[in-house]
Amino acid sequence: MPTPAQPFVTRLADGGVFPHMLGKIVCVGRNYAEHARELDNPVPSAPLLFIKPATSAVPMAHDIAEQFTRGEVHFETELALLIGKRLSAASAESAQQAVAGLGLALDLTLRDVQSQLKEKGHPWEVAKAFDGACPLSTFVALDEVPDWATLRFTLDIDGERRQTGETRDMLFAIPELLAEMSQHFTLQPGDVVLTGTPAGVGPLPRNAQLSLSSSFGLEASTQTR
């Protein structure tokens, strides 16, 4: 697994390397109503935003192992957006034009740690932003803006379907989500946006094979040890 001395390299599905270093990873919580309900969380009326640092990112193909020393680890599969243009106080229309690529991600969560921090009313970055918390796939470069409402992605664990996400089910559509983010902090080329996880999250099993697929032709896999 890469260390902070080995910065994450954002790679494209065609074998190329994205010309900007990975920046921050901006995430949205509870963007699918059924996922909010399965964790007994209220359904938000506005996007819940948090940030993972670049040091949390690792290539999807690397094994997942070290996180198991810190309690229960949950998987959360998400559609990832690669930002190619600077966005600040942007409109939804201009924001969607800034997406340079589509990928897949795992937002790994130390659920036991997160629950303990929530009970104390403390921030829970250490449960979400630790080294290795964000396995990222390669990115399919965009030649034109897709129909954001028709994208689909899945996660299988040892051949069993565990999560299916369809962007039409998002509480906050991608263009509006990007615009909202840009009102609070500037998105830079090289930043990545995780758009939320659908229902079906759960404990990550040991010695398992994870297979991710998408409607836009990208597939990725990793395994736990």
C-alpha atoms as a PDB file:
ATOM      1  CA  MET A   1       0.000   0.000   0.000  1.00  0.00           C
ATOM      2  CA  PRO A   2       1.364   3.499  -0.829  1.00  0.00           C
ATOM      3  CA  THR A   3       2.601   5.615   2.065  1.00  0.00           C
ATOM      4  CA  PRO A   4       2.471   9.411   2.374  1.00  0.00           C
ATOM      5  CA  ALA A   5       5.937   9.410   0.786  1.00  0.00           C
ATOM      6  CA  GLN A   6       4.414   7.825  -2.313  1.00  0.00           C
ATOM      7  CA  PRO A   7       1.630  10.157  -3.508  1.00  0.00           C
ATOM      8  CA  PHE A   8      -1.414   8.624  -5.162  1.00  0.00           C
ATOM      9  CA  VAL A   9      -1.292   8.799  -8.970  1.00  0.00           C
ATOM     10  CA  THR A  10      -4.679   9.322 -10.633  1.00  0.00           C
ATOM     11  CA  ARG A  11      -4.823   7.014 -13.631  1.00  0.00           C
ATOM     12  CA  LEU A  12      -7.188   6.872 -16.583  1.00  0.00           C
ATOM     13  CA  ALA A  13      -8.839   3.719 -17.853  1.00  0.00           C
ATOM     14  CA  ASP A  14      -7.048   4.073 -21.216  1.00  0.00           C
ATOM     15  CA  GLY A  15      -3.680   3.761 -19.483  1.00  0.00           C
ATOM     16  CA  GLY A  16      -2.923   7.463 -19.266  1.00  0.00           C
ATOM     17  CA  VAL A  17      -2.109   9.510 -16.181  1.00  0.00           C
ATOM     18  CA  PHE A  18      -4.250  12.495 -15.208  1.00  0.00           C
ATOM     19  CA  PRO A  19      -2.100  15.655 -15.452  1.00  0.00           C
ATOM     20  CA  HIS A  20      -3.011  16.944 -11.972  1.00  0.00           C
ATOM     21  CA  MET A  21      -2.061  15.484  -8.613  1.00  0.00           C
ATOM     22  CA  LEU A  22      -4.864  14.140  -6.454  1.00  0.00           C
ATOM     23  CA  GLY A  23      -6.159  16.867  -4.159  1.00  0.00           C
ATOM     24  CA  LYS A  24      -8.898  16.587  -1.593  1.00  0.00           C
ATOM     25  CA  ILE A  25     -11.657  13.979  -1.773  1.00  0.00           C
ATOM     26  CA  VAL A  26     -15.009  15.640  -1.134  1.00  0.00           C
ATOM     27  CA  CYS A  27     -17.708  13.254   0.068  1.00  0.00           C
ATOM     28  CA  VAL A  28     -21.450  13.485   0.592  1.00  0.00           C
ATOM     29  CA  GLY A  29     -23.191  11.526   3.315  1.00  0.00           C
ATOM     30  CA  ARG A  30     -26.694  10.044   3.113  1.00  0.00           C
ATOM     31  CA  ASN A  31     -27.310  10.909  -0.541  1.00  0.00           C
ATOM     32  CA  TYR A  32     -29.581   7.856  -0.878  1.00  0.00           C
ATOM     33  CA  ALA A  33     -32.642   7.846   1.374  1.00  0.00           C
ATOM     34  CA  GLU A  34     -32.638   4.070   1.880  1.00  0.00           C
ATOM     35  CA  HIS A  35     -29.028   4.148   3.079  1.00  0.00           C
ATOM     36  CA  ALA A  36     -29.870   6.846   5.630  1.00  0.00           C
ATOM     37  CA  ARG A  37     -32.748   4.737   6.902  1.00  0.00           C
ATOM     38  CA  GLU A  38     -30.737   1.504   7.134  1.00  0.00           C
ATOM     39  CA  LEU A  39     -28.372   3.234   9.598  1.00  0.00           C
ATOM     40  CA  ASP A  40     -31.257   4.867  11.480  1.00  0.00           C
ATOM     41  CA  ASN A  41     -30.091   8.311  10.404  1.00  0.00           C
ATOM     42  CA  PRO A  42     -32.431  11.156   9.449  1.00  0.00           C
ATOM     43  CA  VAL A  43     -32.797  11.845   5.735  1.00  0.00           C
ATOM     44  CA  PRO A  44     -31.022  15.176   5.165  1.00  0.00           C
ATOM     45  CA  SER A  45     -32.657  18.229   3.641  1.00  0.00           C
ATOM     46  CA  ALA A  46     -29.302  19.551   2.410  1.00  0.00           C
ATOM     47  CA  PRO A  47     -26.094  17.739   1.389  1.00  0.00           C
ATOM     48  CA  LEU A  48     -23.937  16.483   4.271  1.00  0.00           C
ATOM     49  CA  LEU A  49     -20.362  17.168   3.195  1.00  0.00           C
ATOM     50  CA  PHE A  50     -17.052  15.961   4.569  1.00  0.00           C
ATOM     51  CA  ILE A  51     -13.516  15.628   3.222  1.00  0.00           C
ATOM     52  CA  LYS A  52     -10.991  12.840   3.036  1.00  0.00           C
ATOM     53  CA  PRO A  53      -7.352  13.878   2.491  1.00  0.00           C
ATOM     54  CA  ALA A  54      -5.357  12.727  -0.517  1.00  0.00           C
ATOM     55  CA  THR A  55      -3.388  10.455   1.825  1.00  0.00           C
ATOM     56  CA  SER A  56      -6.505   8.315   2.319  1.00  0.00           C
ATOM     57  CA  ALA A  57      -6.499   7.248  -1.341  1.00  0.00           C
ATOM     58  CA  VAL A  58      -5.011   3.964  -2.547  1.00  0.00           C
ATOM     59  CA  PRO A  59      -5.352   2.158  -5.884  1.00  0.00           C
ATOM     60  CA  MET A  60      -8.408  -0.073  -5.904  1.00  0.00           C
ATOM     61  CA  ALA A  61      -6.300  -3.055  -6.968  1.00  0.00           C
ATOM     62  CA  HIS A  62      -4.321  -3.041  -3.704  1.00  0.00           C
ATOM     63  CA  ASP A  63      -5.378  -5.495  -1.012  1.00  0.00           C
ATOM     64  CA  ILE A  64      -7.339  -4.193   1.995  1.00  0.00           C
ATOM     65  CA  ALA A  65      -5.701  -5.410   5.174  1.00  0.00           C
ATOM     66  CA  GLU A  66      -4.400  -2.852   7.675  1.00  0.00           C
ATOM     67  CA  GLN A  67      -7.802  -1.342   8.544  1.00  0.00           C
ATOM     68  CA  PHE A  68      -8.996  -4.532  10.291  1.00  0.00           C
ATOM     69  CA  THR A  69      -6.878  -3.769  13.348  1.00  0.00           C
ATOM     70  CA  ARG A  70      -9.230  -0.932  14.391  1.00  0.00           C
ATOM     71  CA  GLY A  71     -12.588  -2.609  14.793  1.00  0.00           C
ATOM     72  CA  GLU A  72     -15.395  -3.279  12.328  1.00  0.00           C
ATOM     73  CA  VAL A  73     -14.784  -1.896   8.824  1.00  0.00           C
ATOM     74  CA  HIS A  74     -17.803  -1.150   6.633  1.00  0.00           C
ATOM     75  CA  PHE A  75     -17.786  -0.955   2.840  1.00  0.00           C
ATOM     76  CA  GLU A  76     -19.601   1.885   1.050  1.00  0.00           C
ATOM     77  CA  THR A  77     -19.501   1.783  -2.756  1.00  0.00           C
ATOM     78  CA  GLU A  78     -19.708   5.115  -4.551  1.00  0.00           C
ATOM     79  CA  LEU A  79     -19.595   6.785  -7.927  1.00  0.00           C
ATOM     80  CA  ALA A  80     -16.484   8.993  -8.089  1.00  0.00           C
ATOM     81  CA  LEU A  81     -16.113  12.181 -10.122  1.00  0.00           C
ATOM     82  CA  LEU A  82     -12.718  13.481 -11.226  1.00  0.00           C
ATOM     83  CA  ILE A  83     -12.614  17.292 -11.335  1.00  0.00           C
ATOM     84  CA  GLY A  84     -10.841  18.833 -14.316  1.00  0.00           C
ATOM     85  CA  LYS A  85     -11.612  22.548 -13.937  1.00  0.00           C
ATOM     86  CA  ARG A  86     -11.598  24.995 -11.041  1.00  0.00           C
ATOM     87  CA  LEU A  87     -15.029  25.454  -9.475  1.00  0.00           C
ATOM     88  CA  SER A  88     -15.970  28.240  -7.095  1.00  0.00           C
ATOM     89  CA  ALA A  89     -19.511  29.513  -6.495  1.00  0.00           C
ATOM     90  CA  ALA A  90     -20.523  27.700  -9.675  1.00  0.00           C
ATOM     91  CA  SER A  91     -23.937  27.126 -11.198  1.00  0.00           C
ATOM     92  CA  ALA A  92     -25.183  23.569 -11.716  1.00  0.00           C
ATOM     93  CA  GLU A  93     -24.707  23.923 -15.473  1.00  0.00           C
ATOM     94  CA  SER A  94     -21.101  25.085 -15.252  1.00  0.00           C
ATOM     95  CA  ALA A  95     -20.302  22.639 -12.450  1.00  0.00           C
ATOM     96  CA  GLN A  96     -21.180  19.564 -14.466  1.00  0.00           C
ATOM     97  CA  GLN A  97     -18.890  20.757 -17.259  1.00  0.00           C
ATOM     98  CA  ALA A  98     -15.941  20.542 -14.855  1.00  0.00           C
ATOM     99  CA  VAL A  99     -16.122  16.742 -14.484  1.00  0.00           C
ATOM    100  CA  ALA A 100     -13.209  15.181 -16.379  1.00  0.00           C
ATOM    101  CA  GLY A 101     -13.822  11.524 -15.595  1.00  0.00           C
ATOM    102  CA  LEU A 102     -15.963   8.897 -13.899  1.00  0.00           C
ATOM    103  CA  GLY A 103     -14.680   6.223 -11.555  1.00  0.00           C
ATOM    104  CA  LEU A 104     -15.639   3.978  -8.647  1.00  0.00           C
ATOM    105  CA  ALA A 105     -14.611   4.200  -5.027  1.00  0.00           C
ATOM    106  CA  LEU A 106     -14.933   2.490  -1.685  1.00  0.00           C
ATOM    107  CA  ASP A 107     -15.568   4.852   1.206  1.00  0.00           C
ATOM    108  CA  LEU A 108     -14.243   2.601   3.965  1.00  0.00           C
ATOM    109  CA  THR A 109     -15.570   3.439   7.414  1.00  0.00           C
ATOM    110  CA  LEU A 110     -14.337   2.364  10.829  1.00  0.00           C
ATOM    111  CA  ARG A 111     -17.899   1.916  12.075  1.00  0.00           C
ATOM    112  CA  ASP A 112     -17.072   1.110  15.684  1.00  0.00           C
ATOM    113  CA  VAL A 113     -14.818   4.158  15.906  1.00  0.00           C
ATOM    114  CA  GLN A 114     -17.406   6.355  14.194  1.00  0.00           C
ATOM    115  CA  SER A 115     -20.175   5.219  16.556  1.00  0.00           C
ATOM    116  CA  GLN A 116     -18.065   5.958  19.608  1.00  0.00           C
ATOM    117  CA  LEU A 117     -17.198   9.433  18.332  1.00  0.00           C
ATOM    118  CA  LYS A 118     -20.813  10.206  17.469  1.00  0.00           C
ATOM    119  CA  GLU A 119     -21.934   9.209  20.950  1.00  0.00           C
ATOM    120  CA  LYS A 120     -19.510  11.773  22.399  1.00  0.00           C
ATOM    121  CA  GLY A 121     -20.532  14.455  19.900  1.00  0.00           C
ATOM    122  CA  HIS A 122     -17.014  14.486  18.469  1.00  0.00           C
ATOM    123  CA  PRO A 123     -15.984  14.888  14.805  1.00  0.00           C
ATOM    124  CA  TRP A 124     -15.478  11.521  13.140  1.00  0.00           C
ATOM    125  CA  GLU A 125     -12.765  12.199  10.550  1.00  0.00           C
ATOM    126  CA  VAL A 126     -10.525   9.513  12.038  1.00  0.00           C
ATOM    127  CA  ALA A 127     -13.214   6.952  11.124  1.00  0.00           C
ATOM    128  CA  LYS A 128     -13.353   8.132   7.517  1.00  0.00           C
ATOM    129  CA  ALA A 129     -10.039   9.802   6.623  1.00  0.00           C
ATOM    130  CA  PHE A 130      -7.401   7.297   7.746  1.00  0.00           C
ATOM    131  CA  ASP A 131      -4.662   6.062   5.402  1.00  0.00           C
ATOM    132  CA  GLY A 132      -6.219   3.577   2.970  1.00  0.00           C
ATOM    133  CA  ALA A 133      -9.800   4.732   3.628  1.00  0.00           C
ATOM    134  CA  CYS A 134     -10.499   5.469  -0.035  1.00  0.00           C
ATOM    135  CA  PRO A 135      -9.662   2.789  -2.611  1.00  0.00           C
ATOM    136  CA  LEU A 136     -10.078   4.444  -6.020  1.00  0.00           C
ATOM    137  CA  SER A 137     -10.411   2.874  -9.466  1.00  0.00           C
ATOM    138  CA  THR A 138      -9.068   4.319 -12.678  1.00  0.00           C
ATOM    139  CA  PHE A 139     -11.266   6.960 -14.347  1.00  0.00           C
ATOM    140  CA  VAL A 140     -13.074   6.867 -17.674  1.00  0.00           C
ATOM    141  CA  ALA A 141     -12.347  10.182 -19.392  1.00  0.00           C
ATOM    142  CA  LEU A 142     -15.442  12.151 -20.436  1.00  0.00           C
ATOM    143  CA  ASP A 143     -15.742  13.518 -23.949  1.00  0.00           C
ATOM    144  CA  GLU A 144     -19.163  14.959 -23.180  1.00  0.00           C
ATOM    145  CA  VAL A 145     -21.430  15.364 -20.173  1.00  0.00           C
ATOM    146  CA  PRO A 146     -23.406  12.139 -19.621  1.00  0.00           C
ATOM    147  CA  ASP A 147     -27.015  11.820 -18.554  1.00  0.00           C
ATOM    148  CA  TRP A 148     -26.352  11.997 -14.834  1.00  0.00           C
ATOM    149  CA  ALA A 149     -29.708  10.402 -13.985  1.00  0.00           C
ATOM    150  CA  THR A 150     -29.012   7.114 -15.796  1.00  0.00           C
ATOM    151  CA  LEU A 151     -25.681   5.996 -14.314  1.00  0.00           C
ATOM    152  CA  ARG A 152     -25.569   2.712 -12.409  1.00  0.00           C
ATOM    153  CA  PHE A 153     -22.941   0.861 -10.387  1.00  0.00           C
ATOM    154  CA  THR A 154     -22.764  -2.368  -8.375  1.00  0.00           C
ATOM    155  CA  LEU A 155     -20.660  -4.189  -5.805  1.00  0.00           C
ATOM    156  CA  ASP A 156     -20.375  -7.978  -5.540  1.00  0.00           C
ATOM    157  CA  ILE A 157     -18.565  -9.690  -2.656  1.00  0.00           C
ATOM    158  CA  ASP A 158     -17.497 -13.267  -3.416  1.00  0.00           C
ATOM    159  CA  GLY A 159     -20.008 -13.317  -6.271  1.00  0.00           C
ATOM    160  CA  GLU A 160     -22.976 -12.068  -4.216  1.00  0.00           C
ATOM    161  CA  ARG A 161     -24.590  -8.749  -5.140  1.00  0.00           C
ATOM    162  CA  ARG A 162     -24.368  -6.451  -2.110  1.00  0.00           C
ATOM    163  CA  GLN A 163     -24.992  -2.940  -3.444  1.00  0.00           C
ATOM    164  CA  THR A 164     -26.653  -1.405  -6.489  1.00  0.00           C
ATOM    165  CA  GLY A 165     -26.603   2.339  -6.993  1.00  0.00           C
ATOM    166  CA  GLU A 166     -28.620   4.272  -9.544  1.00  0.00           C
ATOM    167  CA  THR A 167     -28.061   7.998  -9.792  1.00  0.00           C
ATOM    168  CA  ARG A 168     -31.783   8.610 -10.368  1.00  0.00           C
ATOM    169  CA  ASP A 169     -32.249   7.619  -6.712  1.00  0.00           C
ATOM    170  CA  MET A 170     -29.890  10.272  -5.359  1.00  0.00           C
ATOM    171  CA  LEU A 171     -31.430  12.871  -3.062  1.00  0.00           C
ATOM    172  CA  PHE A 172     -29.181  15.520  -4.613  1.00  0.00           C
ATOM    173  CA  ALA A 173     -28.419  15.199  -8.330  1.00  0.00           C
ATOM    174  CA  ILE A 174     -24.804  15.458  -9.416  1.00  0.00           C
ATOM    175  CA  PRO A 175     -24.894  18.930 -11.065  1.00  0.00           C
ATOM    176  CA  GLU A 176     -26.654  20.450  -8.065  1.00  0.00           C
ATOM    177  CA  LEU A 177     -24.375  18.607  -5.661  1.00  0.00           C
ATOM    178  CA  LEU A 178     -21.244  19.973  -7.333  1.00  0.00           C
ATOM    179  CA  ALA A 179     -22.687  23.477  -7.384  1.00  0.00           C
ATOM    180  CA  GLU A 180     -23.504  23.266  -3.675  1.00  0.00           C
ATOM    181  CA  MET A 181     -19.992  22.082  -2.833  1.00  0.00           C
ATOM    182  CA  SER A 182     -18.492  24.964  -4.776  1.00  0.00           C
ATOM    183  CA  GLN A 183     -20.408  27.467  -2.659  1.00  0.00           C
ATOM    184  CA  HIS A 184     -18.463  26.349   0.427  1.00  0.00           C
ATOM    185  CA  PHE A 185     -14.990  25.558  -0.870  1.00  0.00           C
ATOM    186  CA  THR A 186     -13.208  25.721  -4.209  1.00  0.00           C
ATOM    187  CA  LEU A 187     -12.863  22.482  -6.155  1.00  0.00           C
ATOM    188  CA  GLN A 188      -9.541  22.252  -7.972  1.00  0.00           C
ATOM    189  CA  PRO A 189      -8.370  20.124 -10.921  1.00  0.00           C
ATOM    190  CA  GLY A 190      -7.323  16.792  -9.460  1.00  0.00           C
ATOM    191  CA  ASP A 191      -9.922  16.802  -6.680  1.00  0.00           C
ATOM    192  CA  VAL A 192     -12.284  13.827  -6.506  1.00  0.00           C
ATOM    193  CA  VAL A 193     -15.937  13.896  -5.449  1.00  0.00           C
ATOM    194  CA  LEU A 194     -17.651  10.836  -3.943  1.00  0.00           C
ATOM    195  CA  THR A 195     -21.390  11.093  -4.524  1.00  0.00           C
ATOM    196  CA  GLY A 196     -22.807   8.898  -1.765  1.00  0.00           C
ATOM    197  CA  THR A 197     -23.509   5.222  -1.209  1.00  0.00           C
ATOM    198  CA  PRO A 198     -26.756   3.308  -1.754  1.00  0.00           C
ATOM    199  CA  ALA A 199     -28.324   0.905   0.732  1.00  0.00           C
ATOM    200  CA  GLY A 200     -26.618  -2.385   1.457  1.00  0.00           C
ATOM    201  CA  VAL A 201     -23.520  -1.302   3.387  1.00  0.00           C
ATOM    202  CA  GLY A 202     -22.141  -3.693   5.931  1.00  0.00           C
ATOM    203  CA  PRO A 203     -19.073  -5.209   7.567  1.00  0.00           C
ATOM    204  CA  LEU A 204     -16.237  -5.978   5.202  1.00  0.00           C
ATOM    205  CA  PRO A 205     -15.398  -9.683   5.435  1.00  0.00           C
ATOM    206  CA  ARG A 206     -11.857 -11.005   5.616  1.00  0.00           C
ATOM    207  CA  ASN A 207     -10.343 -12.975   2.710  1.00  0.00           C
ATOM    208  CA  ALA A 208     -13.025 -11.819   0.271  1.00  0.00           C
ATOM    209  CA  GLN A 209     -13.048 -10.745  -3.365  1.00  0.00           C
ATOM    210  CA  LEU A 210     -14.781  -7.433  -4.173  1.00  0.00           C
ATOM    211  CA  SER A 211     -15.910  -6.769  -7.742  1.00  0.00           C
ATOM    212  CA  LEU A 212     -17.266  -3.400  -8.837  1.00  0.00           C
ATOM    213  CA  SER A 213     -18.924  -2.609 -12.164  1.00  0.00           C
ATOM    214  CA  SER A 214     -20.663   0.320 -13.811  1.00  0.00           C
ATOM    215  CA  SER A 215     -22.985   1.237 -16.637  1.00  0.00           C
ATOM    216  CA  PHE A 216     -20.243   3.398 -18.184  1.00  0.00           C
ATOM    217  CA  GLY A 217     -17.928   0.470 -18.936  1.00  0.00           C
ATOM    218  CA  LEU A 218     -15.609   0.588 -15.930  1.00  0.00           C
ATOM    219  CA  GLU A 219     -14.886  -2.464 -13.804  1.00  0.00           C
ATOM    220  CA  ALA A 220     -12.613  -2.739 -10.792  1.00  0.00           C
ATOM    221  CA  SER A 221     -11.732  -5.261  -8.122  1.00  0.00           C
ATOM    222  CA  THR A 222      -9.878  -5.657  -4.861  1.00  0.00           C
ATOM    223  CA  GLN A 223      -9.613  -8.216  -2.103  1.00  0.00           C
ATOM    224  CA  THR A 224      -9.399  -8.291   1.660  1.00  0.00           C
ATOM    225  CA  ARG A 225      -6.852 -10.179   3.721  1.00  0.00           C
END
